[in-house]
């Protein structure tokens, strides 16, 4: 099967699809690694709301995709950055998403983003405002039976006077949590407003503060996800975690080696890239559980160039690539996103995502993907 694809000058060349869709596999109840896919939401294309206005979600398609992830045996990281949290999806919308997923999939492994995004950082006057905001979301999520991922807070960056404020706020919030939570350290490449998180500009002092939070509250912490796109930093911190506290990789560039691990340990996974890579993730970790490390790497290593392209700088727009692949693969009928985010990457980006997705077997219906790629090209006048 062929499709004519343009280069950056508008010159077309025939591209012959060569990929074989990844073999179906589902993780069992005790997989070799805990694997969460941070899932996207499907926008309602028929809404009369402006893209800059209140988000309108297609709940039926959004829930259908979550059933697909759960059917692969993957956990769902709900209402996180990949769901355009804070970039189209506000707190009321996030809570509705959390509630619906809980009702739809009561037995699935789901952890839910708990933050302070209903508090405008400009309106935060003290750490007490941040504490109240965290506790409000934590109570709301726990009331519907949801487990928590404590997300990083833009407001806390604004008002914290130093590392001590982070330790105090996190300890106060963790004391109100019913079950152990996952902490999320999101780097400023994903959200520039989070620069200097944990009260320090450098990695080492910031890590010390995060470890102090964990050590003081170890019974309330299931693990920590760090999203710094730096393999060595993750390994350094992983080796410092208290016994029983998991490291969840948030490194969408280096996930195969981090999940596989080394003689001193390994990372579990909580990744936005495991939304479009869901079948590869399930198959690879199933292979790892069988002791087939070569099969694990053979499934995931070829996906890394695609992941690095999707998450290229400016990294916060990776969601555009995630939803583009969801559309190519038939999980939604359109390529429209909350906040008009489908416009945040250029045509050559989509062309290369198409090629790389084909080459690593991530176009589950190549004929449909070609048909939809042609529609996108036509939209661009190509």
Protein backbone atom coordinates (compact mmCIF):
# COMPACT_ATOMS: atom_id res chain seq x y z
CA UNK A 1 0.00 0.00 0.00
CA UNK A 2 1.36 3.42 -0.97
CA UNK A 3 0.61 7.05 -0.21
CA UNK A 4 2.19 10.18 -1.67
CA UNK A 5 3.64 12.27 1.17
CA UNK A 6 5.07 15.78 0.91
CA UNK A 7 8.41 17.05 2.19
CA UNK A 8 8.96 20.52 3.64
CA UNK A 9 9.12 22.03 0.14
CA UNK A 10 5.81 20.51 -0.94
CA UNK A 11 7.41 17.93 -3.21
CA UNK A 12 5.62 14.56 -3.08
CA UNK A 13 7.25 11.13 -2.90
CA UNK A 14 5.49 7.79 -2.80
CA UNK A 15 5.79 6.10 0.58
CA UNK A 16 5.17 2.35 0.74
CA UNK A 17 3.78 1.16 4.06
CA UNK A 18 5.87 -1.65 5.51
CA UNK A 19 4.76 -2.15 9.10
CA UNK A 20 2.97 -5.15 10.54
CA UNK A 21 0.44 -4.31 13.26
CA UNK A 22 1.69 -5.38 16.69
CA UNK A 23 0.47 -8.74 17.93
CA UNK A 24 -2.39 -8.57 20.41
CA UNK A 25 -1.52 -9.23 24.05
CA UNK A 26 -3.06 -8.35 27.39
CA UNK A 27 -1.36 -8.10 30.75
CA UNK A 28 -2.47 -10.46 33.48
CA UNK A 29 -3.28 -9.63 37.08
CA UNK A 30 0.33 -9.70 38.26
CA UNK A 31 2.42 -8.19 35.47
CA UNK A 32 6.19 -7.83 35.67
CA UNK A 33 5.74 -4.05 35.91
CA UNK A 34 2.87 -1.82 36.94
CA UNK A 35 1.93 0.05 33.76
CA UNK A 36 -0.29 3.11 33.56
CA UNK A 37 -1.25 4.79 30.31
CA UNK A 38 -1.96 8.49 30.75
CA UNK A 39 -5.03 8.72 28.54
CA UNK A 40 -6.21 11.50 26.25
CA UNK A 41 -9.77 12.80 25.99
CA UNK A 42 -11.86 13.04 22.82
CA UNK A 43 -13.29 16.47 22.09
CA UNK A 44 -16.85 16.98 20.88
CA UNK A 45 -16.41 18.44 17.38
CA UNK A 46 -20.01 19.69 17.21
CA UNK A 47 -19.86 22.01 20.20
CA UNK A 48 -20.72 25.66 19.69
CA UNK A 49 -18.12 26.63 22.30
CA UNK A 50 -15.07 28.45 21.03
CA UNK A 51 -11.83 26.47 21.33
CA UNK A 52 -10.64 28.97 23.94
CA UNK A 53 -13.83 28.53 25.94
CA UNK A 54 -15.12 25.77 28.15
CA UNK A 55 -14.15 22.29 26.97
CA UNK A 56 -16.80 19.98 25.56
CA UNK A 57 -15.87 16.30 25.75
CA UNK A 58 -17.27 13.44 23.70
CA UNK A 59 -17.87 11.21 26.69
CA UNK A 60 -18.89 8.13 24.71
CA UNK A 61 -15.66 8.04 22.67
CA UNK A 62 -13.55 9.03 25.68
CA UNK A 63 -14.92 6.12 27.71
CA UNK A 64 -14.62 3.74 24.76
CA UNK A 65 -10.89 4.43 24.63
CA UNK A 66 -10.55 3.74 28.35
CA UNK A 67 -12.30 0.41 27.93
CA UNK A 68 -9.76 -0.40 25.23
CA UNK A 69 -6.83 0.39 27.55
CA UNK A 70 -8.34 -1.63 30.39
CA UNK A 71 -8.91 -4.53 27.98
CA UNK A 72 -5.16 -4.60 27.36
CA UNK A 73 -4.60 -4.94 31.10
CA UNK A 74 -3.12 -1.46 31.36
CA UNK A 75 -3.75 0.92 34.21
CA UNK A 76 -5.23 4.33 33.43
CA UNK A 77 -3.70 7.55 34.72
CA UNK A 78 -6.79 9.71 34.57
CA UNK A 79 -7.22 13.47 34.18
CA UNK A 80 -3.49 14.08 33.78
CA UNK A 81 -1.44 16.22 31.44
CA UNK A 82 -2.21 13.91 28.50
CA UNK A 83 -5.92 14.66 29.00
CA UNK A 84 -5.01 18.34 28.44
CA UNK A 85 -5.40 19.08 32.14
CA UNK A 86 -4.76 22.78 32.52
CA UNK A 87 -4.53 23.13 28.72
CA UNK A 88 -8.20 22.80 27.82
CA UNK A 89 -9.62 20.56 30.55
CA UNK A 90 -10.44 22.46 33.73
CA UNK A 91 -11.02 21.04 37.21
CA UNK A 92 -14.82 20.57 36.88
CA UNK A 93 -14.23 18.74 33.60
CA UNK A 94 -11.47 16.67 35.17
CA UNK A 95 -13.68 15.65 38.09
CA UNK A 96 -16.46 14.63 35.70
CA UNK A 97 -13.92 12.56 33.76
CA UNK A 98 -12.72 10.90 36.96
CA UNK A 99 -16.29 10.17 38.05
CA UNK A 100 -17.27 8.67 34.70
CA UNK A 101 -14.19 6.46 34.50
CA UNK A 102 -14.81 5.22 38.03
CA UNK A 103 -18.40 4.32 37.16
CA UNK A 104 -17.49 2.81 33.79
CA UNK A 105 -14.51 0.77 35.00
CA UNK A 106 -14.90 0.15 38.73
CA UNK A 107 -12.50 -2.80 38.74
CA UNK A 108 -9.78 -1.29 36.55
CA UNK A 109 -6.46 0.01 37.86
CA UNK A 110 -7.02 3.77 37.80
CA UNK A 111 -5.17 6.62 39.49
CA UNK A 112 -6.46 10.17 39.19
CA UNK A 113 -4.78 13.53 38.92
CA UNK A 114 -5.25 15.69 42.02
CA UNK A 115 -3.88 19.20 41.79
CA UNK A 116 -4.60 22.86 42.40
CA UNK A 117 -5.54 23.91 38.88
CA UNK A 118 -8.82 25.52 40.01
CA UNK A 119 -6.66 28.03 41.91
CA UNK A 120 -5.22 30.63 39.55
CA UNK A 121 -1.56 31.01 40.56
CA UNK A 122 -2.04 34.79 40.39
CA UNK A 123 -4.73 34.52 43.07
CA UNK A 124 -2.64 32.42 45.46
CA UNK A 125 -1.51 34.52 48.40
CA UNK A 126 0.02 31.91 50.68
CA UNK A 127 0.78 28.22 51.02
CA UNK A 128 -2.49 27.96 52.96
CA UNK A 129 -4.36 28.71 49.71
CA UNK A 130 -2.47 25.89 48.01
CA UNK A 131 -3.16 23.48 50.88
CA UNK A 132 -6.89 24.20 50.70
CA UNK A 133 -6.90 23.73 46.92
CA UNK A 134 -5.14 20.36 47.12
CA UNK A 135 -7.41 19.16 49.92
CA UNK A 136 -10.53 20.24 48.02
CA UNK A 137 -9.60 18.13 45.01
CA UNK A 138 -8.41 15.22 47.13
CA UNK A 139 -11.72 15.10 48.99
CA UNK A 140 -13.73 15.30 45.78
CA UNK A 141 -11.80 12.47 44.11
CA UNK A 142 -11.82 10.24 47.17
CA UNK A 143 -15.56 10.82 47.60
CA UNK A 144 -16.17 9.09 44.27
CA UNK A 145 -13.82 6.27 45.25
CA UNK A 146 -10.79 7.38 43.26
CA UNK A 147 -7.12 6.89 44.08
CA UNK A 148 -4.81 9.88 43.77
CA UNK A 149 -1.84 11.08 41.81
CA UNK A 150 -0.63 14.28 43.48
CA UNK A 151 0.17 16.54 40.55
CA UNK A 152 2.64 19.40 40.65
CA UNK A 153 1.14 22.79 41.51
CA UNK A 154 1.82 25.99 39.59
CA UNK A 155 0.41 27.94 42.55
CA UNK A 156 2.84 26.31 44.96
CA UNK A 157 5.77 27.39 42.79
CA UNK A 158 4.49 30.94 43.03
CA UNK A 159 4.02 31.17 46.80
CA UNK A 160 6.50 28.72 48.33
CA UNK A 161 9.42 30.47 50.02
CA UNK A 162 11.66 27.42 49.99
CA UNK A 163 11.89 23.62 50.23
CA UNK A 164 10.35 23.61 53.70
CA UNK A 165 7.04 24.84 52.31
CA UNK A 166 6.94 21.91 49.88
CA UNK A 167 7.61 19.40 52.65
CA UNK A 168 4.91 20.93 54.83
CA UNK A 169 2.24 21.17 52.15
CA UNK A 170 2.83 17.67 50.79
CA UNK A 171 2.86 16.19 54.28
CA UNK A 172 -0.42 17.91 55.14
CA UNK A 173 -2.09 16.68 51.93
CA UNK A 174 -0.74 13.15 52.27
CA UNK A 175 -2.11 12.92 55.80
CA UNK A 176 -5.59 13.39 54.32
CA UNK A 177 -5.21 10.62 51.72
CA UNK A 178 -7.13 7.39 52.28
CA UNK A 179 -4.73 5.20 50.29
CA UNK A 180 -1.09 5.48 49.20
CA UNK A 181 -0.70 7.92 46.33
CA UNK A 182 1.64 8.51 43.42
CA UNK A 183 3.58 11.77 43.49
CA UNK A 184 4.28 13.46 40.16
CA UNK A 185 7.36 15.57 39.53
CA UNK A 186 6.65 17.22 36.19
CA UNK A 187 9.59 18.99 34.60
CA UNK A 188 9.43 22.48 33.17
CA UNK A 189 9.90 21.13 29.64
CA UNK A 190 6.28 19.95 29.99
CA UNK A 191 5.08 23.05 31.84
CA UNK A 192 7.38 26.11 31.99
CA UNK A 193 5.41 27.42 35.00
CA UNK A 194 6.82 24.56 37.09
CA UNK A 195 10.45 25.73 36.85
CA UNK A 196 12.12 25.56 40.26
CA UNK A 197 9.80 22.90 41.66
CA UNK A 198 10.59 21.60 45.14
CA UNK A 199 12.04 25.03 45.89
CA UNK A 200 15.32 24.58 44.01
CA UNK A 201 16.61 25.23 40.51
CA UNK A 202 19.08 22.34 40.54
CA UNK A 203 18.22 18.65 40.34
CA UNK A 204 20.15 17.43 43.38
CA UNK A 205 18.62 19.79 45.96
CA UNK A 206 15.17 19.36 44.40
CA UNK A 207 15.55 15.58 44.62
CA UNK A 208 16.57 15.86 48.27
CA UNK A 209 13.35 17.73 49.03
CA UNK A 210 11.21 15.21 47.18
CA UNK A 211 12.95 12.38 49.03
CA UNK A 212 12.37 14.17 52.33
CA UNK A 213 8.64 14.28 51.55
CA UNK A 214 8.61 10.57 50.71
CA UNK A 215 10.68 9.49 53.70
CA UNK A 216 8.49 11.46 56.11
CA UNK A 217 5.31 9.97 54.61
CA UNK A 218 6.41 6.58 53.27
CA UNK A 219 3.22 4.79 54.35
CA UNK A 220 1.18 7.21 52.25
CA UNK A 221 3.32 7.04 49.09
CA UNK A 222 2.93 4.22 46.56
CA UNK A 223 5.56 5.75 44.31
CA UNK A 224 6.76 8.79 42.44
CA UNK A 225 6.66 9.55 38.74
CA UNK A 226 9.38 11.85 37.50
CA UNK A 227 8.99 13.44 34.09
CA UNK A 228 12.38 15.05 33.45
CA UNK A 229 13.31 13.25 30.20
CA UNK A 230 16.68 12.37 31.75
CA UNK A 231 17.52 8.69 32.24
CA UNK A 232 20.41 9.22 34.65
CA UNK A 233 18.44 11.49 36.96
CA UNK A 234 15.67 8.92 37.22
CA UNK A 235 18.10 6.12 38.02
CA UNK A 236 19.87 8.20 40.67
CA UNK A 237 16.59 8.92 42.41
CA UNK A 238 15.28 5.38 41.96
CA UNK A 239 18.25 4.04 43.91
CA UNK A 240 17.51 6.45 46.76
CA UNK A 241 13.84 5.58 47.28
CA UNK A 242 12.80 3.89 50.52
CA UNK A 243 11.99 0.19 50.32
CA UNK A 244 8.50 -0.41 49.00
CA UNK A 245 8.20 2.95 47.20
CA UNK A 246 8.03 2.54 43.43
CA UNK A 247 9.66 4.63 40.76
CA UNK A 248 7.26 5.21 37.87
CA UNK A 249 9.09 6.36 34.80
CA UNK A 250 7.69 9.44 33.16
CA UNK A 251 10.57 9.50 30.67
CA UNK A 252 8.98 9.35 27.23
CA UNK A 253 12.46 9.26 25.65
CA UNK A 254 14.18 6.42 27.53
CA UNK A 255 11.40 4.15 28.75
CA UNK A 256 12.63 0.76 27.40
CA UNK A 257 15.86 0.69 29.40
CA UNK A 258 14.28 2.25 32.48
CA UNK A 259 11.44 -0.27 32.59
CA UNK A 260 13.76 -3.19 31.87
CA UNK A 261 16.05 -1.99 34.66
CA UNK A 262 19.49 -3.06 35.80
CA UNK A 263 21.04 -5.13 38.54
CA UNK A 264 19.99 -2.55 41.14
CA UNK A 265 16.34 -2.10 40.19
CA UNK A 266 13.81 -1.02 37.59
CA UNK A 267 11.07 1.50 36.99
CA UNK A 268 7.38 0.87 36.61
CA UNK A 269 5.59 3.03 34.03
CA UNK A 270 3.18 5.95 33.99
CA UNK A 271 3.53 7.40 30.52
CA UNK A 272 1.69 9.61 28.09
CA UNK A 273 3.41 7.82 25.23
CA UNK A 274 1.70 4.60 26.36
CA UNK A 275 -1.56 6.07 25.08
CA UNK A 276 -0.61 5.64 21.39
CA UNK A 277 1.84 2.82 22.23
CA UNK A 278 -0.69 0.88 24.32
CA UNK A 279 -0.54 -2.40 22.34
CA UNK A 280 3.25 -2.29 22.21
CA UNK A 281 3.43 -1.61 25.95
CA UNK A 282 1.11 -4.50 26.81
CA UNK A 283 2.93 -6.92 24.51
CA UNK A 284 6.38 -5.85 25.70
CA UNK A 285 5.64 -6.13 29.41
CA UNK A 286 3.94 -9.48 28.82
CA UNK A 287 7.19 -10.65 27.20
CA UNK A 288 9.18 -9.30 30.14
CA UNK A 289 6.97 -11.29 32.51
CA UNK A 290 7.92 -14.42 30.58
CA UNK A 291 11.60 -13.62 31.06
CA UNK A 292 11.99 -12.66 27.41
CA UNK A 293 14.08 -9.50 27.77
CA UNK A 294 15.07 -9.59 24.09
CA UNK A 295 11.40 -9.75 23.08
CA UNK A 296 10.62 -6.85 25.41
CA UNK A 297 13.28 -4.67 23.83
CA UNK A 298 12.36 -5.80 20.31
CA UNK A 299 8.82 -4.55 20.91
CA UNK A 300 9.68 -1.21 22.50
CA UNK A 301 13.03 -0.10 21.09
CA UNK A 302 11.64 0.58 17.57
CA UNK A 303 9.02 2.91 19.08
CA UNK A 304 11.57 5.30 20.60
CA UNK A 305 12.13 7.46 17.48
CA UNK A 306 8.36 7.94 17.26
CA UNK A 307 8.13 8.86 20.94
CA UNK A 308 10.98 11.34 20.67
CA UNK A 309 9.29 12.99 17.71
CA UNK A 310 5.91 13.17 19.42
CA UNK A 311 7.50 14.71 22.54
CA UNK A 312 9.93 17.03 20.79
CA UNK A 313 10.17 20.63 22.02
CA UNK A 314 7.97 22.47 22.74
CA UNK A 315 7.14 19.32 24.69
CA UNK A 316 3.79 20.46 26.08
CA UNK A 317 2.28 20.00 22.62
CA UNK A 318 2.94 16.26 22.54
CA UNK A 319 -0.82 15.77 23.05
CA UNK A 320 -1.31 16.80 19.42
CA UNK A 321 0.67 13.78 18.23
CA UNK A 322 -1.12 11.48 20.67
CA UNK A 323 -4.57 12.49 19.42
CA UNK A 324 -3.44 12.44 15.79
CA UNK A 325 -2.55 8.76 16.16
CA UNK A 326 -5.83 8.05 17.96
CA UNK A 327 -7.64 9.48 14.93
CA UNK A 328 -5.51 7.54 12.42
CA UNK A 329 -6.24 4.36 14.36
CA UNK A 330 -10.00 4.84 14.43
CA UNK A 331 -10.46 5.59 18.12
CA UNK A 332 -12.24 8.81 17.17
CA UNK A 333 -13.94 10.09 14.05
CA UNK A 334 -12.17 13.44 13.79
CA UNK A 335 -8.92 15.24 14.54
CA UNK A 336 -10.25 18.03 16.73
CA UNK A 337 -8.86 18.73 20.20
CA UNK A 338 -9.76 20.74 23.25
CA UNK A 339 -8.42 24.28 23.05
CA UNK A 340 -7.82 23.89 19.30
CA UNK A 341 -4.60 22.00 20.09
CA UNK A 342 -4.69 20.08 16.80
CA UNK A 343 -3.11 23.20 15.28
CA UNK A 344 -0.05 23.16 17.52
CA UNK A 345 2.19 21.05 15.27
CA UNK A 346 3.10 21.59 11.57
CA UNK A 347 2.29 19.33 8.63
CA UNK A 348 5.81 17.80 8.36
CA UNK A 349 5.45 16.62 11.96
CA UNK A 350 2.26 14.72 11.10
CA UNK A 351 3.87 13.24 7.99
CA UNK A 352 6.81 11.90 9.98
CA UNK A 353 4.57 10.61 12.80
CA UNK A 354 2.62 8.68 10.16
CA UNK A 355 5.79 7.14 8.73
CA UNK A 356 7.28 6.16 12.08
CA UNK A 357 3.99 4.78 13.42
CA UNK A 358 3.76 2.55 10.36
CA UNK A 359 7.34 1.35 10.69
CA UNK A 360 6.88 0.18 14.29
CA UNK A 361 3.51 -1.49 13.69
CA UNK A 362 1.32 1.08 15.41
CA UNK A 363 -1.17 1.60 12.58
CA UNK A 364 -3.70 -1.06 13.50
CA UNK A 365 -5.69 -0.61 10.26
CA UNK A 366 -3.25 0.67 7.62
CA UNK A 367 -5.98 1.19 5.01
CA UNK A 368 -7.97 3.44 7.37
CA UNK A 369 -4.81 5.30 8.38
CA UNK A 370 -3.96 6.02 4.73
CA UNK A 371 -7.48 7.23 4.04
CA UNK A 372 -7.35 9.61 6.99
CA UNK A 373 -3.85 10.81 6.20
CA UNK A 374 -5.05 11.76 2.75
CA UNK A 375 -7.87 13.78 4.33
CA UNK A 376 -5.36 15.67 6.46
CA UNK A 377 -3.19 16.40 3.44
CA UNK A 378 -6.22 17.70 1.57
CA UNK A 379 -7.03 20.03 4.47
CA UNK A 380 -3.55 21.52 4.10
CA UNK A 381 -4.07 21.93 0.35
CA UNK A 382 -1.64 19.13 -0.41
